[in-house]
Amino acid sequence: METIPALIAHQGGWDEILLVGGPIVLIIGVLALAKRRVDAQAAADDEAPAPKP
């Protein structure tokens, strides 16, 4: 059980980088996924034939 405090303790800065960088990378990934879905929907709407009046 002594390894747990060592993992939580200050590790020279890399742990702080993960605490800040992790959420940023996650948000970038979610935004990229949303943009891909929007672009795919826009392309599908462009390919669909126009409704006849």
N, C-alpha and C. Protein backbone atom coordinates (compact mmCIF):
# COMPACT_ATOMS: atom_id res chain seq x y z
N MET A 1 0.81 -1.20 0.00
CA MET A 1 0.00 0.00 0.00
C MET A 1 0.85 1.26 0.00
N GLU A 2 2.14 1.13 0.08
CA GLU A 2 2.99 2.32 0.10
C GLU A 2 3.19 2.91 -1.28
N THR A 3 2.82 2.19 -2.34
CA THR A 3 2.97 2.73 -3.69
C THR A 3 1.88 3.75 -4.02
N ILE A 4 0.73 3.65 -3.36
CA ILE A 4 -0.36 4.59 -3.63
C ILE A 4 0.05 6.03 -3.28
N PRO A 5 0.58 6.32 -2.08
CA PRO A 5 1.01 7.69 -1.81
C PRO A 5 2.11 8.16 -2.76
N ALA A 6 2.96 7.24 -3.19
CA ALA A 6 4.02 7.63 -4.11
C ALA A 6 3.44 8.03 -5.46
N LEU A 7 2.37 7.41 -5.87
CA LEU A 7 1.73 7.76 -7.14
C LEU A 7 0.97 9.07 -7.04
N ILE A 8 0.43 9.35 -5.86
CA ILE A 8 -0.35 10.57 -5.68
C ILE A 8 0.56 11.77 -5.40
N ALA A 9 1.72 11.51 -4.84
CA ALA A 9 2.64 12.59 -4.48
C ALA A 9 3.20 13.26 -5.72
N HIS A 10 3.82 14.39 -5.51
CA HIS A 10 4.41 15.17 -6.60
C HIS A 10 5.44 14.32 -7.34
N GLN A 11 5.31 14.24 -8.65
CA GLN A 11 6.16 13.37 -9.45
C GLN A 11 7.04 14.16 -10.41
N GLY A 12 7.41 15.35 -10.09
CA GLY A 12 8.30 16.11 -10.94
C GLY A 12 7.61 16.92 -12.01
N GLY A 13 6.30 17.02 -11.97
CA GLY A 13 5.59 17.86 -12.91
C GLY A 13 4.76 17.12 -13.94
N TRP A 14 5.09 15.87 -14.23
CA TRP A 14 4.35 15.17 -15.28
C TRP A 14 2.92 14.90 -14.86
N ASP A 15 2.68 14.73 -13.56
CA ASP A 15 1.31 14.47 -13.12
C ASP A 15 0.43 15.71 -13.27
N GLU A 16 1.01 16.90 -13.05
CA GLU A 16 0.24 18.12 -13.27
C GLU A 16 -0.06 18.32 -14.74
N ILE A 17 0.87 17.94 -15.58
CA ILE A 17 0.64 18.03 -17.03
C ILE A 17 -0.53 17.15 -17.43
N LEU A 18 -0.60 15.95 -16.86
CA LEU A 18 -1.72 15.06 -17.18
C LEU A 18 -3.05 15.61 -16.66
N LEU A 19 -3.02 16.24 -15.48
CA LEU A 19 -4.25 16.79 -14.93
C LEU A 19 -4.79 17.94 -15.77
N VAL A 20 -3.92 18.68 -16.41
CA VAL A 20 -4.35 19.79 -17.26
C VAL A 20 -4.53 19.31 -18.70
N GLY A 21 -3.58 18.55 -19.20
CA GLY A 21 -3.60 18.13 -20.60
C GLY A 21 -4.65 17.09 -20.90
N GLY A 22 -4.95 16.22 -19.95
CA GLY A 22 -5.94 15.17 -20.18
C GLY A 22 -7.30 15.71 -20.58
N PRO A 23 -7.87 16.60 -19.78
CA PRO A 23 -9.17 17.17 -20.15
C PRO A 23 -9.12 17.97 -21.45
N ILE A 24 -8.01 18.65 -21.71
CA ILE A 24 -7.89 19.41 -22.95
C ILE A 24 -7.92 18.47 -24.15
N VAL A 25 -7.18 17.37 -24.07
CA VAL A 25 -7.17 16.39 -25.15
C VAL A 25 -8.56 15.77 -25.32
N LEU A 26 -9.23 15.50 -24.22
CA LEU A 26 -10.58 14.94 -24.27
C LEU A 26 -11.55 15.91 -24.96
N ILE A 27 -11.49 17.17 -24.62
CA ILE A 27 -12.37 18.18 -25.23
C ILE A 27 -12.07 18.31 -26.72
N ILE A 28 -10.79 18.31 -27.09
CA ILE A 28 -10.43 18.39 -28.51
C ILE A 28 -10.99 17.18 -29.26
N GLY A 29 -10.90 16.00 -28.66
CA GLY A 29 -11.44 14.80 -29.29
C GLY A 29 -12.95 14.87 -29.49
N VAL A 30 -13.66 15.35 -28.47
CA VAL A 30 -15.12 15.45 -28.58
C VAL A 30 -15.51 16.49 -29.64
N LEU A 31 -14.79 17.61 -29.68
CA LEU A 31 -15.08 18.62 -30.69
C LEU A 31 -14.79 18.10 -32.10
N ALA A 32 -13.71 17.33 -32.27
CA ALA A 32 -13.40 16.76 -33.57
C ALA A 32 -14.48 15.77 -34.01
N LEU A 33 -14.96 14.97 -33.07
CA LEU A 33 -16.03 14.03 -33.38
C LEU A 33 -17.31 14.77 -33.77
N ALA A 34 -17.65 15.83 -33.05
CA ALA A 34 -18.85 16.60 -33.37
C ALA A 34 -18.71 17.25 -34.75
N LYS A 35 -17.53 17.79 -35.06
CA LYS A 35 -17.32 18.42 -36.37
C LYS A 35 -17.44 17.39 -37.49
N ARG A 36 -16.90 16.21 -37.27
CA ARG A 36 -17.00 15.15 -38.28
C ARG A 36 -18.46 14.78 -38.54
N ARG A 37 -19.25 14.71 -37.47
CA ARG A 37 -20.68 14.38 -37.62
C ARG A 37 -21.43 15.49 -38.35
N VAL A 38 -21.12 16.75 -38.02
CA VAL A 38 -21.78 17.88 -38.68
C VAL A 38 -21.42 17.90 -40.16
N ASP A 39 -20.14 17.70 -40.47
CA ASP A 39 -19.71 17.69 -41.87
C ASP A 39 -20.36 16.54 -42.64
N ALA A 40 -20.48 15.38 -42.01
CA ALA A 40 -21.12 14.24 -42.67
C ALA A 40 -22.60 14.52 -42.92
N GLN A 41 -23.26 15.15 -41.96
CA GLN A 41 -24.68 15.48 -42.12
C GLN A 41 -24.86 16.52 -43.22
N ALA A 42 -23.97 17.50 -43.29
CA ALA A 42 -24.06 18.53 -44.33
C ALA A 42 -23.83 17.91 -45.71
N ALA A 43 -22.90 16.98 -45.80
CA ALA A 43 -22.65 16.31 -47.08
C ALA A 43 -23.85 15.46 -47.48
N ALA A 44 -24.48 14.81 -46.53
CA ALA A 44 -25.66 14.00 -46.83
C ALA A 44 -26.82 14.89 -47.27
N ASP A 45 -26.97 16.05 -46.64
CA ASP A 45 -28.02 16.98 -47.04
C ASP A 45 -27.78 17.53 -48.44
N ASP A 46 -26.52 17.75 -48.80
CA ASP A 46 -26.20 18.26 -50.14
C ASP A 46 -26.47 17.23 -51.21
N GLU A 47 -26.31 15.95 -50.88
CA GLU A 47 -26.50 14.88 -51.87
C GLU A 47 -27.97 14.49 -52.04
N ALA A 48 -28.77 14.82 -51.08
CA ALA A 48 -30.19 14.45 -51.13
C ALA A 48 -30.89 15.27 -52.22
N PRO A 49 -31.77 14.65 -52.99
CA PRO A 49 -32.48 15.40 -54.01
C PRO A 49 -33.45 16.40 -53.38
N ALA A 50 -33.63 17.51 -54.06
CA ALA A 50 -34.53 18.53 -53.57
C ALA A 50 -35.98 18.03 -53.67
N PRO A 51 -36.78 18.30 -52.66
CA PRO A 51 -38.18 17.85 -52.70
C PRO A 51 -38.95 18.60 -53.80
N LYS A 52 -39.83 17.89 -54.47
CA LYS A 52 -40.63 18.51 -55.53
C LYS A 52 -41.85 19.17 -54.90
N PRO A 53 -42.19 20.37 -55.36
CA PRO A 53 -43.35 21.08 -54.78
C PRO A 53 -44.66 20.49 -55.22
